[in-house]
PDB file of N, CA and C in Angstrom:
ATOM      1  N   UNK A   1      43.900  45.515  12.458  1.00  0.00           N
ATOM      2  CA  UNK A   1      44.639  44.381  12.748  1.00  0.00           C
ATOM      3  C   UNK A   1      45.062  43.807  11.070  1.00  0.00           C
ATOM      4  N   UNK A   2      46.338  43.747  11.060  1.00  0.00           N
ATOM      5  CA  UNK A   2      46.830  43.193   9.777  1.00  0.00           C
ATOM      6  C   UNK A   2      46.942  41.694   9.495  1.00  0.00           C
ATOM      7  N   UNK A   3      45.644  41.260   8.884  1.00  0.00           N
ATOM      8  CA  UNK A   3      45.734  39.821   8.812  1.00  0.00           C
ATOM      9  C   UNK A   3      46.609  38.950   7.893  1.00  0.00           C
ATOM     10  N   UNK A   4      47.478  39.481   7.412  1.00  0.00           N
ATOM     11  CA  UNK A   4      48.360  38.921   6.366  1.00  0.00           C
ATOM     12  C   UNK A   4      49.718  38.740   7.390  1.00  0.00           C
ATOM     13  N   UNK A   5      49.637  39.624   8.267  1.00  0.00           N
ATOM     14  CA  UNK A   5      50.792  39.396   9.186  1.00  0.00           C
ATOM     15  C   UNK A   5      50.553  38.385  10.230  1.00  0.00           C
ATOM     16  N   UNK A   6      49.341  38.388  10.683  1.00  0.00           N
ATOM     17  CA  UNK A   6      48.844  37.525  11.692  1.00  0.00           C
ATOM     18  C   UNK A   6      48.803  35.830  10.979  1.00  0.00           C
ATOM     19  N   UNK A   7      48.314  35.694   9.728  1.00  0.00           N
ATOM     20  CA  UNK A   7      48.559  34.311   9.243  1.00  0.00           C
ATOM     21  C   UNK A   7      50.002  33.918   8.858  1.00  0.00           C
ATOM     22  N   UNK A   8      51.050  35.032   8.875  1.00  0.00           N
ATOM     23  CA  UNK A   8      52.088  34.555   8.343  1.00  0.00           C
ATOM     24  C   UNK A   8      53.150  34.197   9.770  1.00  0.00           C
ATOM     25  N   UNK A   9      52.561  35.094  10.611  1.00  0.00           N
ATOM     26  CA  UNK A   9      53.325  34.300  11.984  1.00  0.00           C
ATOM     27  C   UNK A   9      52.849  33.325  12.295  1.00  0.00           C
ATOM     28  N   UNK A  10      51.273  33.078  12.271  1.00  0.00           N
ATOM     29  CA  UNK A  10      50.470  31.734  12.431  1.00  0.00           C
ATOM     30  C   UNK A  10      51.477  30.575  11.966  1.00  0.00           C
ATOM     31  N   UNK A  11      51.488  30.732  10.757  1.00  0.00           N
ATOM     32  CA  UNK A  11      51.865  29.642   9.633  1.00  0.00           C
ATOM     33  C   UNK A  11      53.329  29.501  10.301  1.00  0.00           C
ATOM     34  N   UNK A  12      54.259  30.359  10.565  1.00  0.00           N
ATOM     35  CA  UNK A  12      55.832  30.063  11.070  1.00  0.00           C
ATOM     36  C   UNK A  12      55.642  29.336  12.338  1.00  0.00           C
ATOM     37  N   UNK A  13      54.879  29.683  13.138  1.00  0.00           N
ATOM     38  CA  UNK A  13      54.747  29.205  14.760  1.00  0.00           C
ATOM     39  C   UNK A  13      54.526  27.797  14.281  1.00  0.00           C
ATOM     40  N   UNK A  14      53.319  27.253  13.303  1.00  0.00           N
ATOM     41  CA  UNK A  14      52.839  26.080  13.484  1.00  0.00           C
ATOM     42  C   UNK A  14      53.820  25.041  12.683  1.00  0.00           C
ATOM     43  N   UNK A  15      54.622  25.777  11.917  1.00  0.00           N
ATOM     44  CA  UNK A  15      55.891  25.007  11.180  1.00  0.00           C
ATOM     45  C   UNK A  15      56.821  24.806  12.376  1.00  0.00           C
ATOM     46  N   UNK A  16      57.353  25.795  13.128  1.00  0.00           N
ATOM     47  CA  UNK A  16      58.350  25.362  14.095  1.00  0.00           C
ATOM     48  C   UNK A  16      57.859  24.277  15.179  1.00  0.00           C
ATOM     49  N   UNK A  17      56.458  24.257  15.502  1.00  0.00           N
ATOM     50  CA  UNK A  17      55.854  23.149  16.055  1.00  0.00           C
ATOM     51  C   UNK A  17      56.103  21.992  15.623  1.00  0.00           C
ATOM     52  N   UNK A  18      55.867  21.602  14.045  1.00  0.00           N
ATOM     53  CA  UNK A  18      55.880  20.723  13.828  1.00  0.00           C
ATOM     54  C   UNK A  18      57.148  20.075  13.476  1.00  0.00           C
ATOM     55  N   UNK A  19      58.080  20.718  13.695  1.00  0.00           N
ATOM     56  CA  UNK A  19      59.418  20.629  13.156  1.00  0.00           C
ATOM     57  C   UNK A  19      60.275  20.452  14.638  1.00  0.00           C
ATOM     58  N   UNK A  20      59.425  20.188  15.520  1.00  0.00           N
ATOM     59  CA  UNK A  20      60.468  19.682  16.979  1.00  0.00           C
ATOM     60  C   UNK A  20      60.705  18.234  16.876  1.00  0.00           C
ATOM     61  N   UNK A  21      61.989  18.523  17.445  1.00  0.00           N
ATOM     62  CA  UNK A  21      62.844  17.237  17.335  1.00  0.00           C
ATOM     63  C   UNK A  21      63.434  16.515  18.834  1.00  0.00           C
ATOM     64  N   UNK A  22      63.207  17.514  19.524  1.00  0.00           N
ATOM     65  CA  UNK A  22      63.539  17.185  21.063  1.00  0.00           C
ATOM     66  C   UNK A  22      62.297  17.563  22.001  1.00  0.00           C
ATOM     67  N   UNK A  23      62.647  17.178  23.079  1.00  0.00           N
ATOM     68  CA  UNK A  23      61.519  17.782  24.091  1.00  0.00           C
ATOM     69  C   UNK A  23      61.579  19.306  24.722  1.00  0.00           C
ATOM     70  N   UNK A  24      62.954  19.441  24.744  1.00  0.00           N
ATOM     71  CA  UNK A  24      63.559  20.888  25.254  1.00  0.00           C
ATOM     72  C   UNK A  24      62.808  21.988  24.294  1.00  0.00           C
ATOM     73  N   UNK A  25      62.630  21.607  22.715  1.00  0.00           N
ATOM     74  CA  UNK A  25      61.915  22.516  22.171  1.00  0.00           C
ATOM     75  C   UNK A  25      60.864  22.916  22.240  1.00  0.00           C
ATOM     76  N   UNK A  26      59.980  22.245  22.995  1.00  0.00           N
ATOM     77  CA  UNK A  26      58.500  22.516  23.456  1.00  0.00           C
ATOM     78  C   UNK A  26      58.220  23.599  24.003  1.00  0.00           C
ATOM     79  N   UNK A  27      59.083  23.774  25.354  1.00  0.00           N
ATOM     80  CA  UNK A  27      58.971  25.111  25.783  1.00  0.00           C
ATOM     81  C   UNK A  27      59.118  26.329  25.073  1.00  0.00           C
ATOM     82  N   UNK A  28      60.403  26.264  24.194  1.00  0.00           N
ATOM     83  CA  UNK A  28      60.418  27.548  23.356  1.00  0.00           C
ATOM     84  C   UNK A  28      59.031  27.828  22.199  1.00  0.00           C
ATOM     85  N   UNK A  29      58.405  26.737  21.923  1.00  0.00           N
ATOM     86  CA  UNK A  29      57.337  26.715  21.016  1.00  0.00           C
ATOM     87  C   UNK A  29      56.184  27.344  21.682  1.00  0.00           C
ATOM     88  N   UNK A  30      56.091  26.962  23.230  1.00  0.00           N
ATOM     89  CA  UNK A  30      54.885  27.568  24.157  1.00  0.00           C
ATOM     90  C   UNK A  30      55.276  29.087  24.314  1.00  0.00           C
ATOM     91  N   UNK A  31      56.336  29.282  24.242  1.00  0.00           N
ATOM     92  CA  UNK A  31      56.876  30.676  24.605  1.00  0.00           C
ATOM     93  C   UNK A  31      56.473  31.530  23.073  1.00  0.00           C
ATOM     94  N   UNK A  32      56.521  31.140  22.079  1.00  0.00           N
ATOM     95  CA  UNK A  32      56.164  31.503  20.965  1.00  0.00           C
ATOM     96  C   UNK A  32      54.716  31.769  20.994  1.00  0.00           C
ATOM     97  N   UNK A  33      53.916  31.038  21.339  1.00  0.00           N
ATOM     98  CA  UNK A  33      52.453  31.059  21.382  1.00  0.00           C
ATOM     99  C   UNK A  33      51.907  32.116  22.199  1.00  0.00           C
ATOM    100  N   UNK A  34      53.002  32.318  23.279  1.00  0.00           N
ATOM    101  CA  UNK A  34      52.343  33.507  24.354  1.00  0.00           C
ATOM    102  C   UNK A  34      52.711  34.449  23.698  1.00  0.00           C
ATOM    103  N   UNK A  35      53.928  34.750  22.760  1.00  0.00           N
ATOM    104  CA  UNK A  35      54.412  36.358  22.295  1.00  0.00           C
ATOM    105  C   UNK A  35      53.134  36.351  21.221  1.00  0.00           C
ATOM    106  N   UNK A  36      52.881  35.413  20.615  1.00  0.00           N
ATOM    107  CA  UNK A  36      52.042  35.778  19.400  1.00  0.00           C
ATOM    108  C   UNK A  36      50.563  36.232  19.775  1.00  0.00           C
ATOM    109  N   UNK A  37      50.244  35.481  21.061  1.00  0.00           N
ATOM    110  CA  UNK A  37      48.879  36.028  21.406  1.00  0.00           C
ATOM    111  C   UNK A  37      48.937  37.330  22.220  1.00  0.00           C
ATOM    112  N   UNK A  38      49.789  37.747  22.889  1.00  0.00           N
ATOM    113  CA  UNK A  38      50.213  38.984  23.241  1.00  0.00           C
ATOM    114  C   UNK A  38      50.279  40.205  22.482  1.00  0.00           C
ATOM    115  N   UNK A  39      50.917  39.736  21.287  1.00  0.00           N
ATOM    116  CA  UNK A  39      51.184  40.766  20.458  1.00  0.00           C
ATOM    117  C   UNK A  39      49.988  41.118  19.576  1.00  0.00           C
ATOM    118  N   UNK A  40      49.251  40.033  19.320  1.00  0.00           N
ATOM    119  CA  UNK A  40      47.962  40.287  18.722  1.00  0.00           C
ATOM    120  C   UNK A  40      46.830  40.457  19.386  1.00  0.00           C
ATOM    121  N   UNK A  41      46.723  40.664  20.613  1.00  0.00           N
ATOM    122  CA  UNK A  41      45.301  40.631  21.130  1.00  0.00           C
ATOM    123  C   UNK A  41      45.352  42.683  21.635  1.00  0.00           C
ATOM    124  N   UNK A  42      44.661  42.818  20.865  1.00  0.00           N
ATOM    125  CA  UNK A  42      44.300  44.339  20.871  1.00  0.00           C
ATOM    126  C   UNK A  42      43.149  44.641  21.451  1.00  0.00           C
ATOM    127  N   UNK A  43      43.205  45.808  22.066  1.00  0.00           N
ATOM    128  CA  UNK A  43      41.560  46.325  22.695  1.00  0.00           C
ATOM    129  C   UNK A  43      40.513  46.761  21.793  1.00  0.00           C
ATOM    130  N   UNK A  44      41.216  46.850  20.453  1.00  0.00           N
ATOM    131  CA  UNK A  44      40.181  47.500  19.261  1.00  0.00           C
ATOM    132  C   UNK A  44      39.812  46.210  18.553  1.00  0.00           C
ATOM    133  N   UNK A  45      39.955  44.969  18.762  1.00  0.00           N
ATOM    134  CA  UNK A  45      39.332  44.054  17.987  1.00  0.00           C
ATOM    135  C   UNK A  45      38.077  43.913  17.686  1.00  0.00           C
ATOM    136  N   UNK A  46      37.638  43.533  16.429  1.00  0.00           N
ATOM    137  CA  UNK A  46      36.145  42.905  16.489  1.00  0.00           C
ATOM    138  C   UNK A  46      36.074  41.797  16.566  1.00  0.00           C
ATOM    139  N   UNK A  47      34.686  41.276  16.956  1.00  0.00           N
ATOM    140  CA  UNK A  47      34.649  40.166  17.223  1.00  0.00           C
ATOM    141  C   UNK A  47      35.007  39.052  16.713  1.00  0.00           C
ATOM    142  N   UNK A  48      35.095  39.445  15.344  1.00  0.00           N
ATOM    143  CA  UNK A  48      35.609  38.282  13.996  1.00  0.00           C
ATOM    144  C   UNK A  48      37.123  37.926  14.403  1.00  0.00           C
ATOM    145  N   UNK A  49      37.868  39.164  14.596  1.00  0.00           N
ATOM    146  CA  UNK A  49      39.274  39.148  14.676  1.00  0.00           C
ATOM    147  C   UNK A  49      39.566  38.500  16.038  1.00  0.00           C
ATOM    148  N   UNK A  50      38.855  38.796  17.147  1.00  0.00           N
ATOM    149  CA  UNK A  50      38.922  38.184  18.300  1.00  0.00           C
ATOM    150  C   UNK A  50      38.801  36.353  17.987  1.00  0.00           C
ATOM    151  N   UNK A  51      37.649  36.365  17.527  1.00  0.00           N
ATOM    152  CA  UNK A  51      37.644  34.613  17.327  1.00  0.00           C
ATOM    153  C   UNK A  51      38.650  34.014  16.461  1.00  0.00           C
ATOM    154  N   UNK A  52      38.894  34.736  15.569  1.00  0.00           N
ATOM    155  CA  UNK A  52      40.255  34.291  14.437  1.00  0.00           C
ATOM    156  C   UNK A  52      41.548  34.014  15.494  1.00  0.00           C
ATOM    157  N   UNK A  53      41.950  35.123  16.347  1.00  0.00           N
ATOM    158  CA  UNK A  53      43.069  34.710  16.956  1.00  0.00           C
ATOM    159  C   UNK A  53      42.897  33.431  18.134  1.00  0.00           C
ATOM    160  N   UNK A  54      41.809  33.579  18.614  1.00  0.00           N
ATOM    161  CA  UNK A  54      41.419  32.410  19.480  1.00  0.00           C
ATOM    162  C   UNK A  54      41.858  31.191  18.920  1.00  0.00           C
ATOM    163  N   UNK A  55      40.851  31.234  17.611  1.00  0.00           N
ATOM    164  CA  UNK A  55      40.901  29.735  16.985  1.00  0.00           C
ATOM    165  C   UNK A  55      42.571  29.448  16.613  1.00  0.00           C
ATOM    166  N   UNK A  56      43.336  30.353  16.287  1.00  0.00           N
ATOM    167  CA  UNK A  56      44.623  30.124  15.749  1.00  0.00           C
ATOM    168  C   UNK A  56      45.606  29.738  16.787  1.00  0.00           C
ATOM    169  N   UNK A  57      45.184  30.484  17.988  1.00  0.00           N
ATOM    170  CA  UNK A  57      45.765  30.107  19.532  1.00  0.00           C
ATOM    171  C   UNK A  57      45.837  28.816  19.899  1.00  0.00           C
ATOM    172  N   UNK A  58      44.325  28.250  19.548  1.00  0.00           N
ATOM    173  CA  UNK A  58      43.753  26.872  20.370  1.00  0.00           C
ATOM    174  C   UNK A  58      44.620  25.956  19.251  1.00  0.00           C
ATOM    175  N   UNK A  59      44.600  26.351  17.875  1.00  0.00           N
ATOM    176  CA  UNK A  59      44.961  25.476  17.150  1.00  0.00           C
ATOM    177  C   UNK A  59      46.728  25.080  17.444  1.00  0.00           C
ATOM    178  N   UNK A  60      47.320  25.986  17.770  1.00  0.00           N
ATOM    179  CA  UNK A  60      48.942  25.969  17.955  1.00  0.00           C
ATOM    180  C   UNK A  60      49.044  25.330  19.479  1.00  0.00           C
ATOM    181  N   UNK A  61      47.866  25.429  20.279  1.00  0.00           N
ATOM    182  CA  UNK A  61      47.956  24.776  21.810  1.00  0.00           C
ATOM    183  C   UNK A  61      47.649  23.379  21.313  1.00  0.00           C
ATOM    184  N   UNK A  62      47.189  22.946  20.602  1.00  0.00           N
ATOM    185  CA  UNK A  62      46.498  21.545  20.372  1.00  0.00           C
ATOM    186  C   UNK A  62      47.355  20.804  19.726  1.00  0.00           C
ATOM    187  N   UNK A  63      48.568  21.714  18.744  1.00  0.00           N
ATOM    188  CA  UNK A  63      49.523  21.240  17.965  1.00  0.00           C
ATOM    189  C   UNK A  63      50.597  20.715  19.105  1.00  0.00           C
ATOM    190  N   UNK A  64      50.817  21.760  20.260  1.00  0.00           N
ATOM    191  CA  UNK A  64      51.948  21.507  21.090  1.00  0.00           C
ATOM    192  C   UNK A  64      51.452  20.195  21.955  1.00  0.00           C
ATOM    193  N   UNK A  65      50.259  20.278  22.337  1.00  0.00           N
ATOM    194  CA  UNK A  65      49.886  19.145  23.218  1.00  0.00           C
ATOM    195  C   UNK A  65      50.112  17.955  22.459  1.00  0.00           C
ATOM    196  N   UNK A  66      49.879  17.588  20.912  1.00  0.00           N
ATOM    197  CA  UNK A  66      50.065  16.349  20.220  1.00  0.00           C
ATOM    198  C   UNK A  66      51.672  16.326  20.189  1.00  0.00           C
ATOM    199  N   UNK A  67      52.218  17.276  20.387  1.00  0.00           N
ATOM    200  CA  UNK A  67      53.935  16.930  20.190  1.00  0.00           C
ATOM    201  C   UNK A  67      54.638  16.508  21.790  1.00  0.00           C
ATOM    202  N   UNK A  68      53.905  16.933  22.548  1.00  0.00           N
ATOM    203  CA  UNK A  68      53.730  16.531  23.970  1.00  0.00           C
ATOM    204  C   UNK A  68      53.770  14.975  24.425  1.00  0.00           C
ATOM    205  N   UNK A  69      52.590  14.704  23.487  1.00  0.00           N
ATOM    206  CA  UNK A  69      52.220  13.397  23.879  1.00  0.00           C
ATOM    207  C   UNK A  69      53.081  12.101  23.160  1.00  0.00           C
ATOM    208  N   UNK A  70      53.470  12.913  21.769  1.00  0.00           N
ATOM    209  CA  UNK A  70      54.474  12.084  21.040  1.00  0.00           C
ATOM    210  C   UNK A  70      55.916  11.673  21.580  1.00  0.00           C
ATOM    211  N   UNK A  71      56.222  12.628  22.538  1.00  0.00           N
ATOM    212  CA  UNK A  71      57.531  12.677  23.448  1.00  0.00           C
ATOM    213  C   UNK A  71      57.409  11.711  24.435  1.00  0.00           C
ATOM    214  N   UNK A  72      56.191  11.855  25.351  1.00  0.00           N
ATOM    215  CA  UNK A  72      55.893  11.251  26.419  1.00  0.00           C
ATOM    216  C   UNK A  72      55.661   9.634  26.243  1.00  0.00           C
ATOM    217  N   UNK A  73      55.487   9.356  24.977  1.00  0.00           N
ATOM    218  CA  UNK A  73      55.627   7.896  24.473  1.00  0.00           C
ATOM    219  C   UNK A  73      56.849   7.222  24.267  1.00  0.00           C
ATOM    220  N   UNK A  74      57.620   8.152  24.133  1.00  0.00           N
ATOM    221  CA  UNK A  74      59.102   7.391  23.840  1.00  0.00           C
ATOM    222  C   UNK A  74      59.859   7.365  24.758  1.00  0.00           C
TER     223      UNK A  74
END
């Protein structure tokens, strides 16, 4: 697994989530997280790689949840 590529994509998606300006963009961010998950889920991952990916996905999903809460308060 190419860790530099994974980290680069993680930070790009994280930046995208943090830049959401209206509720309609949230679905796009959710789709990006799903694509990230599918792209980097490999059969031959080590347990460390698997835990790292799961942690990153969890972080992205938490950010999306925070954004959803922000827009539900408006």
